[in-house]
Amino acid sequence: MVSLSTRRIVRQRAKYLCEYCHSPEYLSPDLFTLDHILPKSFF
């Protein structure tokens, strides 16, 4: 589980945009989800 403070930091860093398609979060009916925190290449 990702803490609320981490979620807030990630959303602010991404400027409230999807980091995949760059659509703004305000156009979505839900908050964007975090797929992963550590890069997949880390494992």
PDB file of N, CA and C in Angstrom:
ATOM      1  N   MET A   1       0.845  -1.182   0.000  1.00  0.00           N
ATOM      2  CA  MET A   1       0.000   0.000   0.000  1.00  0.00           C
ATOM      3  C   MET A   1       0.892   1.247   0.000  1.00  0.00           C
ATOM      4  N   VAL A   2       0.513   2.206  -0.794  1.00  0.00           N
ATOM      5  CA  VAL A   2       1.268   3.454  -0.895  1.00  0.00           C
ATOM      6  C   VAL A   2       0.616   4.480   0.023  1.00  0.00           C
ATOM      7  N   SER A   3       1.415   5.139   0.838  1.00  0.00           N
ATOM      8  CA  SER A   3       0.872   6.113   1.786  1.00  0.00           C
ATOM      9  C   SER A   3       0.274   7.318   1.056  1.00  0.00           C
ATOM     10  N   LEU A   4      -0.610   8.009   1.744  1.00  0.00           N
ATOM     11  CA  LEU A   4      -1.245   9.195   1.159  1.00  0.00           C
ATOM     12  C   LEU A   4      -0.221  10.291   0.871  1.00  0.00           C
ATOM     13  N   SER A   5       0.757  10.434   1.752  1.00  0.00           N
ATOM     14  CA  SER A   5       1.768  11.474   1.521  1.00  0.00           C
ATOM     15  C   SER A   5       2.604  11.162   0.276  1.00  0.00           C
ATOM     16  N   THR A   6       2.927   9.888   0.050  1.00  0.00           N
ATOM     17  CA  THR A   6       3.664   9.508  -1.156  1.00  0.00           C
ATOM     18  C   THR A   6       2.817   9.743  -2.390  1.00  0.00           C
ATOM     19  N   ARG A   7       1.541   9.400  -2.316  1.00  0.00           N
ATOM     20  CA  ARG A   7       0.637   9.645  -3.447  1.00  0.00           C
ATOM     21  C   ARG A   7       0.586  11.128  -3.787  1.00  0.00           C
ATOM     22  N   ARG A   8       0.516  11.966  -2.762  1.00  0.00           N
ATOM     23  CA  ARG A   8       0.460  13.416  -2.965  1.00  0.00           C
ATOM     24  C   ARG A   8       1.740  13.912  -3.644  1.00  0.00           C
ATOM     25  N   ILE A   9       2.879  13.434  -3.186  1.00  0.00           N
ATOM     26  CA  ILE A   9       4.161  13.847  -3.765  1.00  0.00           C
ATOM     27  C   ILE A   9       4.243  13.447  -5.234  1.00  0.00           C
ATOM     28  N   VAL A  10       3.842  12.218  -5.540  1.00  0.00           N
ATOM     29  CA  VAL A  10       3.903  11.732  -6.922  1.00  0.00           C
ATOM     30  C   VAL A  10       2.962  12.536  -7.816  1.00  0.00           C
ATOM     31  N   ARG A  11       1.743  12.811  -7.338  1.00  0.00           N
ATOM     32  CA  ARG A  11       0.780  13.583  -8.132  1.00  0.00           C
ATOM     33  C   ARG A  11       1.300  14.991  -8.392  1.00  0.00           C
ATOM     34  N   GLN A  12       1.886  15.624  -7.382  1.00  0.00           N
ATOM     35  CA  GLN A  12       2.430  16.968  -7.566  1.00  0.00           C
ATOM     36  C   GLN A  12       3.608  16.958  -8.529  1.00  0.00           C
ATOM     37  N   ARG A  13       4.489  15.962  -8.388  1.00  0.00           N
ATOM     38  CA  ARG A  13       5.652  15.858  -9.283  1.00  0.00           C
ATOM     39  C   ARG A  13       5.218  15.692 -10.738  1.00  0.00           C
ATOM     40  N   ALA A  14       4.125  14.952 -10.950  1.00  0.00           N
ATOM     41  CA  ALA A  14       3.619  14.713 -12.308  1.00  0.00           C
ATOM     42  C   ALA A  14       2.765  15.877 -12.804  1.00  0.00           C
ATOM     43  N   LYS A  15       2.626  16.909 -11.973  1.00  0.00           N
ATOM     44  CA  LYS A  15       1.801  18.077 -12.313  1.00  0.00           C
ATOM     45  C   LYS A  15       0.365  17.666 -12.620  1.00  0.00           C
ATOM     46  N   TYR A  16      -0.105  16.649 -11.881  1.00  0.00           N
ATOM     47  CA  TYR A  16      -1.482  16.145 -11.974  1.00  0.00           C
ATOM     48  C   TYR A  16      -1.831  15.659 -13.377  1.00  0.00           C
ATOM     49  N   LEU A  17      -0.804  15.169 -14.089  1.00  0.00           N
ATOM     50  CA  LEU A  17      -0.998  14.586 -15.417  1.00  0.00           C
ATOM     51  C   LEU A  17      -0.691  13.101 -15.351  1.00  0.00           C
ATOM     52  N   CYS A  18      -1.335  12.338 -16.208  1.00  0.00           N
ATOM     53  CA  CYS A  18      -0.972  10.939 -16.372  1.00  0.00           C
ATOM     54  C   CYS A  18       0.441  10.910 -16.939  1.00  0.00           C
ATOM     55  N   GLU A  19       1.332  10.153 -16.321  1.00  0.00           N
ATOM     56  CA  GLU A  19       2.714  10.122 -16.807  1.00  0.00           C
ATOM     57  C   GLU A  19       2.863   9.239 -18.037  1.00  0.00           C
ATOM     58  N   TYR A  20       1.806   8.559 -18.441  1.00  0.00           N
ATOM     59  CA  TYR A  20       1.849   7.737 -19.654  1.00  0.00           C
ATOM     60  C   TYR A  20       1.314   8.514 -20.854  1.00  0.00           C
ATOM     61  N   CYS A  21       0.090   9.061 -20.717  1.00  0.00           N
ATOM     62  CA  CYS A  21      -0.537   9.733 -21.867  1.00  0.00           C
ATOM     63  C   CYS A  21      -0.639  11.253 -21.698  1.00  0.00           C
ATOM     64  N   HIS A  22      -0.263  11.759 -20.523  1.00  0.00           N
ATOM     65  CA  HIS A  22      -0.245  13.200 -20.224  1.00  0.00           C
ATOM     66  C   HIS A  22      -1.633  13.851 -20.198  1.00  0.00           C
ATOM     67  N   SER A  23      -2.674  13.072 -20.004  1.00  0.00           N
ATOM     68  CA  SER A  23      -3.994  13.680 -19.856  1.00  0.00           C
ATOM     69  C   SER A  23      -4.113  14.229 -18.435  1.00  0.00           C
ATOM     70  N   PRO A  24      -4.808  15.359 -18.263  1.00  0.00           N
ATOM     71  CA  PRO A  24      -4.924  15.966 -16.940  1.00  0.00           C
ATOM     72  C   PRO A  24      -5.873  15.177 -16.042  1.00  0.00           C
ATOM     73  N   GLU A  25      -5.516  15.110 -14.780  1.00  0.00           N
ATOM     74  CA  GLU A  25      -6.308  14.351 -13.813  1.00  0.00           C
ATOM     75  C   GLU A  25      -7.711  14.933 -13.646  1.00  0.00           C
ATOM     76  N   TYR A  26      -7.859  16.245 -13.795  1.00  0.00           N
ATOM     77  CA  TYR A  26      -9.168  16.857 -13.568  1.00  0.00           C
ATOM     78  C   TYR A  26     -10.211  16.409 -14.598  1.00  0.00           C
ATOM     79  N   LEU A  27      -9.790  15.853 -15.724  1.00  0.00           N
ATOM     80  CA  LEU A  27     -10.742  15.346 -16.714  1.00  0.00           C
ATOM     81  C   LEU A  27     -11.233  13.939 -16.391  1.00  0.00           C
ATOM     82  N   SER A  28     -10.601  13.303 -15.433  1.00  0.00           N
ATOM     83  CA  SER A  28     -10.972  11.943 -15.049  1.00  0.00           C
ATOM     84  C   SER A  28     -11.949  11.989 -13.875  1.00  0.00           C
ATOM     85  N   PRO A  29     -12.953  11.108 -13.863  1.00  0.00           N
ATOM     86  CA  PRO A  29     -13.887  11.100 -12.731  1.00  0.00           C
ATOM     87  C   PRO A  29     -13.239  10.591 -11.440  1.00  0.00           C
ATOM     88  N   ASP A  30     -12.111   9.890 -11.542  1.00  0.00           N
ATOM     89  CA  ASP A  30     -11.399   9.351 -10.380  1.00  0.00           C
ATOM     90  C   ASP A  30      -9.967   9.874 -10.357  1.00  0.00           C
ATOM     91  N   LEU A  31      -9.340   9.762  -9.193  1.00  0.00           N
ATOM     92  CA  LEU A  31      -7.924  10.101  -9.106  1.00  0.00           C
ATOM     93  C   LEU A  31      -7.124   9.043  -9.846  1.00  0.00           C
ATOM     94  N   PHE A  32      -6.033   9.442 -10.434  1.00  0.00           N
ATOM     95  CA  PHE A  32      -5.171   8.484 -11.119  1.00  0.00           C
ATOM     96  C   PHE A  32      -4.564   7.524 -10.103  1.00  0.00           C
ATOM     97  N   THR A  33      -4.276   6.320 -10.553  1.00  0.00           N
ATOM     98  CA  THR A  33      -3.655   5.321  -9.689  1.00  0.00           C
ATOM     99  C   THR A  33      -2.149   5.303  -9.922  1.00  0.00           C
ATOM    100  N   LEU A  34      -1.449   4.789  -8.936  1.00  0.00           N
ATOM    101  CA  LEU A  34      -0.002   4.625  -9.056  1.00  0.00           C
ATOM    102  C   LEU A  34       0.267   3.166  -9.401  1.00  0.00           C
ATOM    103  N   ASP A  35       0.895   2.931 -10.530  1.00  0.00           N
ATOM    104  CA  ASP A  35       1.181   1.559 -10.943  1.00  0.00           C
ATOM    105  C   ASP A  35       2.348   0.966 -10.169  1.00  0.00           C
ATOM    106  N   HIS A  36       3.412   1.710 -10.035  1.00  0.00           N
ATOM    107  CA  HIS A  36       4.581   1.240  -9.299  1.00  0.00           C
ATOM    108  C   HIS A  36       5.419   2.442  -8.874  1.00  0.00           C
ATOM    109  N   ILE A  37       6.112   2.273  -7.772  1.00  0.00           N
ATOM    110  CA  ILE A  37       6.977   3.332  -7.256  1.00  0.00           C
ATOM    111  C   ILE A  37       8.419   3.066  -7.665  1.00  0.00           C
ATOM    112  N   LEU A  38       8.885   1.837  -7.451  1.00  0.00           N
ATOM    113  CA  LEU A  38      10.242   1.472  -7.853  1.00  0.00           C
ATOM    114  C   LEU A  38      10.236   1.076  -9.316  1.00  0.00           C
ATOM    115  N   PRO A  39      11.234   1.490 -10.064  1.00  0.00           N
ATOM    116  CA  PRO A  39      11.292   1.102 -11.475  1.00  0.00           C
ATOM    117  C   PRO A  39      11.321  -0.420 -11.612  1.00  0.00           C
ATOM    118  N   LYS A  40      10.656  -0.919 -12.623  1.00  0.00           N
ATOM    119  CA  LYS A  40      10.643  -2.361 -12.854  1.00  0.00           C
ATOM    120  C   LYS A  40      12.050  -2.891 -13.084  1.00  0.00           C
ATOM    121  N   SER A  41      12.930  -2.069 -13.635  1.00  0.00           N
ATOM    122  CA  SER A  41      14.303  -2.499 -13.883  1.00  0.00           C
ATOM    123  C   SER A  41      15.096  -2.673 -12.583  1.00  0.00           C
ATOM    124  N   PHE A  42      14.580  -2.142 -11.487  1.00  0.00           N
ATOM    125  CA  PHE A  42      15.227  -2.265 -10.184  1.00  0.00           C
ATOM    126  C   PHE A  42      15.268  -3.717  -9.739  1.00  0.00           C
ATOM    127  N   PHE A  43      14.257  -4.469 -10.120  1.00  0.00           N
ATOM    128  CA  PHE A  43      14.148  -5.868  -9.698  1.00  0.00           C
ATOM    129  C   PHE A  43      14.832  -6.688 -10.714  1.00  0.00           C
TER     130      PHE A  43
END
